Amino acid sequence: KKRFLPKFVSGEWISAIAMTEPGAGSDLQRISTTAIKDGSDYIVNGQKTFITNGILSDVVIVACKTNPYANPPHKGVSLLIIERGMEGFTRGRKLDKVGMHSQDTAELIFEDVRVPATNLIGEEGMGFAYLMDKLQQERLMTAIGGIMAARDMLDLTLKYVKEREAFGRPISRFQNTQFKLAEIATQVEIG
């Protein structure tokens, strides 16, 4: 915490979290990126995709299998901090996307990356539990953001249809427009 958090808070470092993999998606039990213990280090091999801040990040928290043979599989997942410049850590393509252009989305590649064991977050084999504890909060915040954006768009649309005229009256007075807006307002409220 003393080493990393102050640089995140100051904005000196940008972070990313790397879970999603080609072929496994975000199913953490099926990831194939491994981190095998070698003395006081881990050797990391694998790929990640659709990683937010993948290009810009200085530090990446990587979900990896420290025990590929764990049963159940989720007990083999750990979190390691991999830093910019570590040998064998490369960034693949910057992926195109529709919105949120201030955050890049990228592929990450790990080829025999030697990571000190001090970069393990928490306990080995607890990565799945740590991620599940916080992912619900992240997904809830994403849902709330989507609903608020829909509410804002509805408010802007209501203002527009009251001002825009067609055939000598505001289009808000047309029955079809009223039906459509009532349906949208209901969906926003349900959300």
C-alpha atoms as a PDB file:
ATOM      1  CA  LYS A   1       0.000   0.000   0.000  1.00  0.00           C
ATOM      2  CA  LYS A   2       2.806   2.426   0.871  1.00  0.00           C
ATOM      3  CA  ARG A   3       4.611   1.717  -2.386  1.00  0.00           C
ATOM      4  CA  PHE A   4       1.730   1.891  -4.865  1.00  0.00           C
ATOM      5  CA  LEU A   5      -1.287   3.778  -3.498  1.00  0.00           C
ATOM      6  CA  PRO A   6       0.330   7.245  -3.105  1.00  0.00           C
ATOM      7  CA  LYS A   7       1.319   7.223  -6.799  1.00  0.00           C
ATOM      8  CA  PHE A   8      -2.209   6.191  -7.827  1.00  0.00           C
ATOM      9  CA  VAL A   9      -3.767   8.944  -5.712  1.00  0.00           C
ATOM     10  CA  SER A  10      -1.368  11.621  -7.012  1.00  0.00           C
ATOM     11  CA  GLY A  11      -2.040  10.566 -10.612  1.00  0.00           C
ATOM     12  CA  GLU A  12       1.634   9.800 -11.160  1.00  0.00           C
ATOM     13  CA  TRP A  13       0.759   6.196 -12.017  1.00  0.00           C
ATOM     14  CA  ILE A  14      -2.185   4.773 -13.948  1.00  0.00           C
ATOM     15  CA  SER A  15      -3.379   1.303 -13.042  1.00  0.00           C
ATOM     16  CA  ALA A  16      -5.239  -1.475 -14.820  1.00  0.00           C
ATOM     17  CA  ILE A  17      -6.709  -4.789 -13.851  1.00  0.00           C
ATOM     18  CA  ALA A  18      -6.196  -7.702 -16.242  1.00  0.00           C
ATOM     19  CA  MET A  19      -8.718 -10.514 -15.972  1.00  0.00           C
ATOM     20  CA  THR A  20     -10.248 -11.151 -19.412  1.00  0.00           C
ATOM     21  CA  GLU A  21      -8.490 -13.638 -21.678  1.00  0.00           C
ATOM     22  CA  PRO A  22      -8.920 -14.853 -25.251  1.00  0.00           C
ATOM     23  CA  GLY A  23     -11.024 -18.014 -25.085  1.00  0.00           C
ATOM     24  CA  ALA A  24     -11.979 -17.589 -21.402  1.00  0.00           C
ATOM     25  CA  GLY A  25     -13.563 -14.148 -21.393  1.00  0.00           C
ATOM     26  CA  SER A  26     -13.996 -13.005 -17.819  1.00  0.00           C
ATOM     27  CA  ASP A  27     -14.589 -16.528 -16.458  1.00  0.00           C
ATOM     28  CA  LEU A  28     -11.773 -16.429 -13.918  1.00  0.00           C
ATOM     29  CA  GLN A  29     -11.892 -20.172 -13.302  1.00  0.00           C
ATOM     30  CA  ARG A  30     -10.961 -20.791 -16.959  1.00  0.00           C
ATOM     31  CA  ILE A  31      -8.042 -18.361 -17.255  1.00  0.00           C
ATOM     32  CA  SER A  32      -4.806 -19.870 -18.511  1.00  0.00           C
ATOM     33  CA  THR A  33      -2.269 -17.178 -17.580  1.00  0.00           C
ATOM     34  CA  THR A  34       0.084 -18.826 -15.109  1.00  0.00           C
ATOM     35  CA  ALA A  35       2.412 -17.529 -12.407  1.00  0.00           C
ATOM     36  CA  ILE A  36       4.694 -20.363 -11.329  1.00  0.00           C
ATOM     37  CA  LYS A  37       6.869 -19.882  -8.238  1.00  0.00           C
ATOM     38  CA  ASP A  38      10.613 -19.827  -8.917  1.00  0.00           C
ATOM     39  CA  GLY A  39      12.581 -19.046  -5.763  1.00  0.00           C
ATOM     40  CA  SER A  40      11.435 -15.649  -4.485  1.00  0.00           C
ATOM     41  CA  ASP A  41       9.785 -14.781  -7.811  1.00  0.00           C
ATOM     42  CA  TYR A  42       6.875 -15.854  -9.977  1.00  0.00           C
ATOM     43  CA  ILE A  43       7.307 -16.524 -13.703  1.00  0.00           C
ATOM     44  CA  VAL A  44       4.221 -15.236 -15.543  1.00  0.00           C
ATOM     45  CA  ASN A  45       3.094 -16.486 -18.961  1.00  0.00           C
ATOM     46  CA  GLY A  46      -0.135 -15.773 -20.814  1.00  0.00           C
ATOM     47  CA  GLN A  47      -2.313 -13.190 -22.541  1.00  0.00           C
ATOM     48  CA  LYS A  48      -5.078 -10.796 -21.578  1.00  0.00           C
ATOM     49  CA  THR A  49      -7.500  -8.900 -23.806  1.00  0.00           C
ATOM     50  CA  PHE A  50     -10.017  -6.022 -23.537  1.00  0.00           C
ATOM     51  CA  ILE A  51      -7.957  -4.482 -20.727  1.00  0.00           C
ATOM     52  CA  THR A  52      -9.016  -0.939 -19.823  1.00  0.00           C
ATOM     53  CA  ASN A  53      -5.938   1.337 -19.546  1.00  0.00           C
ATOM     54  CA  GLY A  54      -3.809  -1.504 -20.944  1.00  0.00           C
ATOM     55  CA  ILE A  55      -1.618   0.833 -23.000  1.00  0.00           C
ATOM     56  CA  LEU A  56      -1.406   3.753 -20.566  1.00  0.00           C
ATOM     57  CA  SER A  57      -1.029   1.801 -17.327  1.00  0.00           C
ATOM     58  CA  ASP A  58       2.147   1.870 -15.271  1.00  0.00           C
ATOM     59  CA  VAL A  59       0.959  -0.968 -13.041  1.00  0.00           C
ATOM     60  CA  VAL A  60      -1.296  -3.889 -13.943  1.00  0.00           C
ATOM     61  CA  ILE A  61      -2.993  -6.169 -11.436  1.00  0.00           C
ATOM     62  CA  VAL A  62      -3.000  -9.517 -13.228  1.00  0.00           C
ATOM     63  CA  ALA A  63      -5.314 -12.420 -12.406  1.00  0.00           C
ATOM     64  CA  CYS A  64      -3.254 -15.557 -12.915  1.00  0.00           C
ATOM     65  CA  LYS A  65      -3.125 -19.202 -11.903  1.00  0.00           C
ATOM     66  CA  THR A  66      -0.503 -19.776  -9.220  1.00  0.00           C
ATOM     67  CA  ASN A  67      -1.856 -23.316  -8.922  1.00  0.00           C
ATOM     68  CA  PRO A  68      -3.102 -24.500 -12.335  1.00  0.00           C
ATOM     69  CA  TYR A  69      -4.155 -27.848 -10.813  1.00  0.00           C
ATOM     70  CA  ALA A  70      -6.302 -26.476  -7.971  1.00  0.00           C
ATOM     71  CA  ASN A  71      -9.626 -28.179  -7.421  1.00  0.00           C
ATOM     72  CA  PRO A  72     -11.937 -26.296  -7.540  1.00  0.00           C
ATOM     73  CA  PRO A  73     -10.134 -24.173 -10.162  1.00  0.00           C
ATOM     74  CA  HIS A  74     -10.946 -20.789  -8.595  1.00  0.00           C
ATOM     75  CA  LYS A  75      -8.745 -21.655  -5.592  1.00  0.00           C
ATOM     76  CA  GLY A  76      -5.699 -21.476  -7.867  1.00  0.00           C
ATOM     77  CA  VAL A  77      -6.250 -17.823  -8.897  1.00  0.00           C
ATOM     78  CA  SER A  78      -3.988 -15.133  -7.433  1.00  0.00           C
ATOM     79  CA  LEU A  79      -3.356 -11.448  -8.132  1.00  0.00           C
ATOM     80  CA  LEU A  80       0.103 -10.186  -9.043  1.00  0.00           C
ATOM     81  CA  ILE A  81       1.218  -6.618  -9.684  1.00  0.00           C
ATOM     82  CA  ILE A  82       3.176  -6.355 -12.932  1.00  0.00           C
ATOM     83  CA  GLU A  83       4.933  -3.077 -13.584  1.00  0.00           C
ATOM     84  CA  ARG A  84       5.752  -1.200 -16.775  1.00  0.00           C
ATOM     85  CA  GLY A  85       9.200  -2.167 -18.016  1.00  0.00           C
ATOM     86  CA  MET A  86       9.356  -5.661 -16.554  1.00  0.00           C
ATOM     87  CA  GLU A  87      11.173  -7.848 -19.062  1.00  0.00           C
ATOM     88  CA  GLY A  88       8.783 -10.018 -21.073  1.00  0.00           C
ATOM     89  CA  PHE A  89       5.754  -7.780 -20.453  1.00  0.00           C
ATOM     90  CA  THR A  90       4.515  -6.280 -23.724  1.00  0.00           C
ATOM     91  CA  ARG A  91       1.370  -4.567 -24.875  1.00  0.00           C
ATOM     92  CA  GLY A  92      -0.409  -5.765 -27.970  1.00  0.00           C
ATOM     93  CA  ARG A  93      -2.906  -3.884 -30.088  1.00  0.00           C
ATOM     94  CA  LYS A  94      -4.852  -0.902 -28.863  1.00  0.00           C
ATOM     95  CA  LEU A  95      -8.411  -2.032 -29.585  1.00  0.00           C
ATOM     96  CA  ASP A  96     -11.021   0.179 -31.244  1.00  0.00           C
ATOM     97  CA  LYS A  97     -14.213   0.847 -29.312  1.00  0.00           C
ATOM     98  CA  VAL A  98     -17.323   2.996 -29.559  1.00  0.00           C
ATOM     99  CA  GLY A  99     -16.961   5.290 -26.542  1.00  0.00           C
ATOM    100  CA  MET A 100     -14.872   6.194 -23.500  1.00  0.00           C
ATOM    101  CA  HIS A 101     -11.870   7.160 -25.610  1.00  0.00           C
ATOM    102  CA  SER A 102      -9.957   8.633 -22.667  1.00  0.00           C
ATOM    103  CA  GLN A 103      -9.433   5.042 -21.493  1.00  0.00           C
ATOM    104  CA  ASP A 104      -7.645   2.828 -23.956  1.00  0.00           C
ATOM    105  CA  THR A 105      -8.478  -0.858 -24.298  1.00  0.00           C
ATOM    106  CA  ALA A 106      -5.662  -3.230 -25.150  1.00  0.00           C
ATOM    107  CA  GLU A 107      -4.158  -6.688 -25.301  1.00  0.00           C
ATOM    108  CA  LEU A 108      -1.384  -7.602 -22.857  1.00  0.00           C
ATOM    109  CA  ILE A 109       1.242 -10.314 -23.333  1.00  0.00           C
ATOM    110  CA  PHE A 110       3.363 -11.957 -20.646  1.00  0.00           C
ATOM    111  CA  GLU A 111       6.336 -14.064 -21.747  1.00  0.00           C
ATOM    112  CA  ASP A 112       8.445 -15.384 -18.870  1.00  0.00           C
ATOM    113  CA  VAL A 113       7.918 -12.198 -16.861  1.00  0.00           C
ATOM    114  CA  ARG A 114       9.832 -12.460 -13.587  1.00  0.00           C
ATOM    115  CA  VAL A 115       7.725 -10.864 -10.844  1.00  0.00           C
ATOM    116  CA  PRO A 116       8.941 -10.601  -7.241  1.00  0.00           C
ATOM    117  CA  ALA A 117       6.772 -12.477  -4.727  1.00  0.00           C
ATOM    118  CA  THR A 118       6.399  -9.158  -2.876  1.00  0.00           C
ATOM    119  CA  ASN A 119       4.093  -8.121  -5.758  1.00  0.00           C
ATOM    120  CA  LEU A 120       1.525 -10.751  -4.731  1.00  0.00           C
ATOM    121  CA  ILE A 121      -1.664  -9.057  -3.511  1.00  0.00           C
ATOM    122  CA  GLY A 122      -2.926 -10.684  -0.323  1.00  0.00           C
ATOM    123  CA  GLU A 123      -2.680 -14.429  -0.106  1.00  0.00           C
ATOM    124  CA  GLU A 124      -1.865 -16.879  -2.864  1.00  0.00           C
ATOM    125  CA  GLY A 125      -5.025 -18.577  -4.169  1.00  0.00           C
ATOM    126  CA  MET A 126      -7.355 -15.831  -2.895  1.00  0.00           C
ATOM    127  CA  GLY A 127      -7.485 -13.732  -6.102  1.00  0.00           C
ATOM    128  CA  PHE A 128     -10.889 -15.050  -7.158  1.00  0.00           C
ATOM    129  CA  ALA A 129     -12.418 -14.158  -3.775  1.00  0.00           C
ATOM    130  CA  TYR A 130     -10.833 -10.683  -3.817  1.00  0.00           C
ATOM    131  CA  LEU A 131     -12.180  -9.953  -7.293  1.00  0.00           C
ATOM    132  CA  MET A 132     -15.662 -11.298  -6.589  1.00  0.00           C
ATOM    133  CA  ASP A 133     -15.848  -9.107  -3.491  1.00  0.00           C
ATOM    134  CA  LYS A 134     -15.350  -5.929  -5.555  1.00  0.00           C
ATOM    135  CA  LEU A 135     -16.775  -6.789  -8.978  1.00  0.00           C
ATOM    136  CA  GLN A 136     -20.373  -6.542  -7.759  1.00  0.00           C
ATOM    137  CA  GLN A 137     -19.681  -2.970  -6.652  1.00  0.00           C
ATOM    138  CA  GLU A 138     -18.071  -2.133 -10.008  1.00  0.00           C
ATOM    139  CA  ARG A 139     -20.971  -3.637 -11.945  1.00  0.00           C
ATOM    140  CA  LEU A 140     -23.508  -1.827  -9.769  1.00  0.00           C
ATOM    141  CA  MET A 141     -21.724   1.490 -10.407  1.00  0.00           C
ATOM    142  CA  THR A 142     -21.734   0.765 -14.162  1.00  0.00           C
ATOM    143  CA  ALA A 143     -25.472   0.031 -14.070  1.00  0.00           C
ATOM    144  CA  ILE A 144     -26.180   3.194 -12.086  1.00  0.00           C
ATOM    145  CA  GLY A 145     -24.145   5.216 -14.587  1.00  0.00           C
ATOM    146  CA  GLY A 146     -26.162   3.745 -17.468  1.00  0.00           C
ATOM    147  CA  ILE A 147     -29.485   4.543 -15.812  1.00  0.00           C
ATOM    148  CA  MET A 148     -28.384   8.096 -15.013  1.00  0.00           C
ATOM    149  CA  ALA A 149     -27.273   8.601 -18.623  1.00  0.00           C
ATOM    150  CA  ALA A 150     -30.677   7.323 -19.815  1.00  0.00           C
ATOM    151  CA  ARG A 151     -32.451   9.698 -17.411  1.00  0.00           C
ATOM    152  CA  ASP A 152     -30.359  12.627 -18.693  1.00  0.00           C
ATOM    153  CA  MET A 153     -31.165  11.720 -22.316  1.00  0.00           C
ATOM    154  CA  LEU A 154     -34.858  11.492 -21.466  1.00  0.00           C
ATOM    155  CA  ASP A 155     -34.764  14.943 -19.837  1.00  0.00           C
ATOM    156  CA  LEU A 156     -33.022  16.419 -22.885  1.00  0.00           C
ATOM    157  CA  THR A 157     -35.534  14.743 -25.199  1.00  0.00           C
ATOM    158  CA  LEU A 158     -38.508  16.049 -23.193  1.00  0.00           C
ATOM    159  CA  LYS A 159     -37.112  19.564 -23.422  1.00  0.00           C
ATOM    160  CA  TYR A 160     -36.563  19.172 -27.173  1.00  0.00           C
ATOM    161  CA  VAL A 161     -40.058  17.831 -27.976  1.00  0.00           C
ATOM    162  CA  LYS A 162     -41.643  20.721 -26.080  1.00  0.00           C
ATOM    163  CA  GLU A 163     -39.653  23.261 -28.134  1.00  0.00           C
ATOM    164  CA  ARG A 164     -39.670  21.589 -31.587  1.00  0.00           C
ATOM    165  CA  GLU A 165     -42.752  22.320 -33.645  1.00  0.00           C
ATOM    166  CA  ALA A 166     -44.283  20.490 -36.571  1.00  0.00           C
ATOM    167  CA  PHE A 167     -47.595  21.222 -38.282  1.00  0.00           C
ATOM    168  CA  GLY A 168     -48.046  24.285 -36.090  1.00  0.00           C
ATOM    169  CA  ARG A 169     -47.673  22.699 -32.649  1.00  0.00           C
ATOM    170  CA  PRO A 170     -44.955  21.221 -30.382  1.00  0.00           C
ATOM    171  CA  ILE A 171     -44.233  17.619 -31.281  1.00  0.00           C
ATOM    172  CA  SER A 172     -44.801  16.746 -27.601  1.00  0.00           C
ATOM    173  CA  ARG A 173     -48.525  17.151 -28.333  1.00  0.00           C
ATOM    174  CA  PHE A 174     -48.589  14.291 -30.847  1.00  0.00           C
ATOM    175  CA  GLN A 175     -50.055  11.111 -29.404  1.00  0.00           C
ATOM    176  CA  ASN A 176     -47.393   8.783 -30.840  1.00  0.00           C
ATOM    177  CA  THR A 177     -44.612  10.952 -29.356  1.00  0.00           C
ATOM    178  CA  GLN A 178     -46.385  10.854 -25.980  1.00  0.00           C
ATOM    179  CA  PHE A 179     -46.720   7.054 -26.133  1.00  0.00           C
ATOM    180  CA  LYS A 180     -43.045   6.593 -27.017  1.00  0.00           C
ATOM    181  CA  LEU A 181     -41.846   8.968 -24.301  1.00  0.00           C
ATOM    182  CA  ALA A 182     -44.083   7.337 -21.692  1.00  0.00           C
ATOM    183  CA  GLU A 183     -42.647   3.937 -22.623  1.00  0.00           C
ATOM    184  CA  ILE A 184     -39.059   5.263 -22.360  1.00  0.00           C
ATOM    185  CA  ALA A 185     -39.794   7.006 -19.045  1.00  0.00           C
ATOM    186  CA  THR A 186     -41.228   3.737 -17.695  1.00  0.00           C
ATOM    187  CA  GLN A 187     -38.124   1.790 -18.733  1.00  0.00           C
ATOM    188  CA  VAL A 188     -35.852   4.384 -17.090  1.00  0.00           C
ATOM    189  CA  GLU A 189     -37.912   4.263 -13.894  1.00  0.00           C
ATOM    190  CA  ILE A 190     -37.840   0.463 -13.846  1.00  0.00           C
ATOM    191  CA  GLY A 191     -34.076   0.596 -14.288  1.00  0.00           C
END
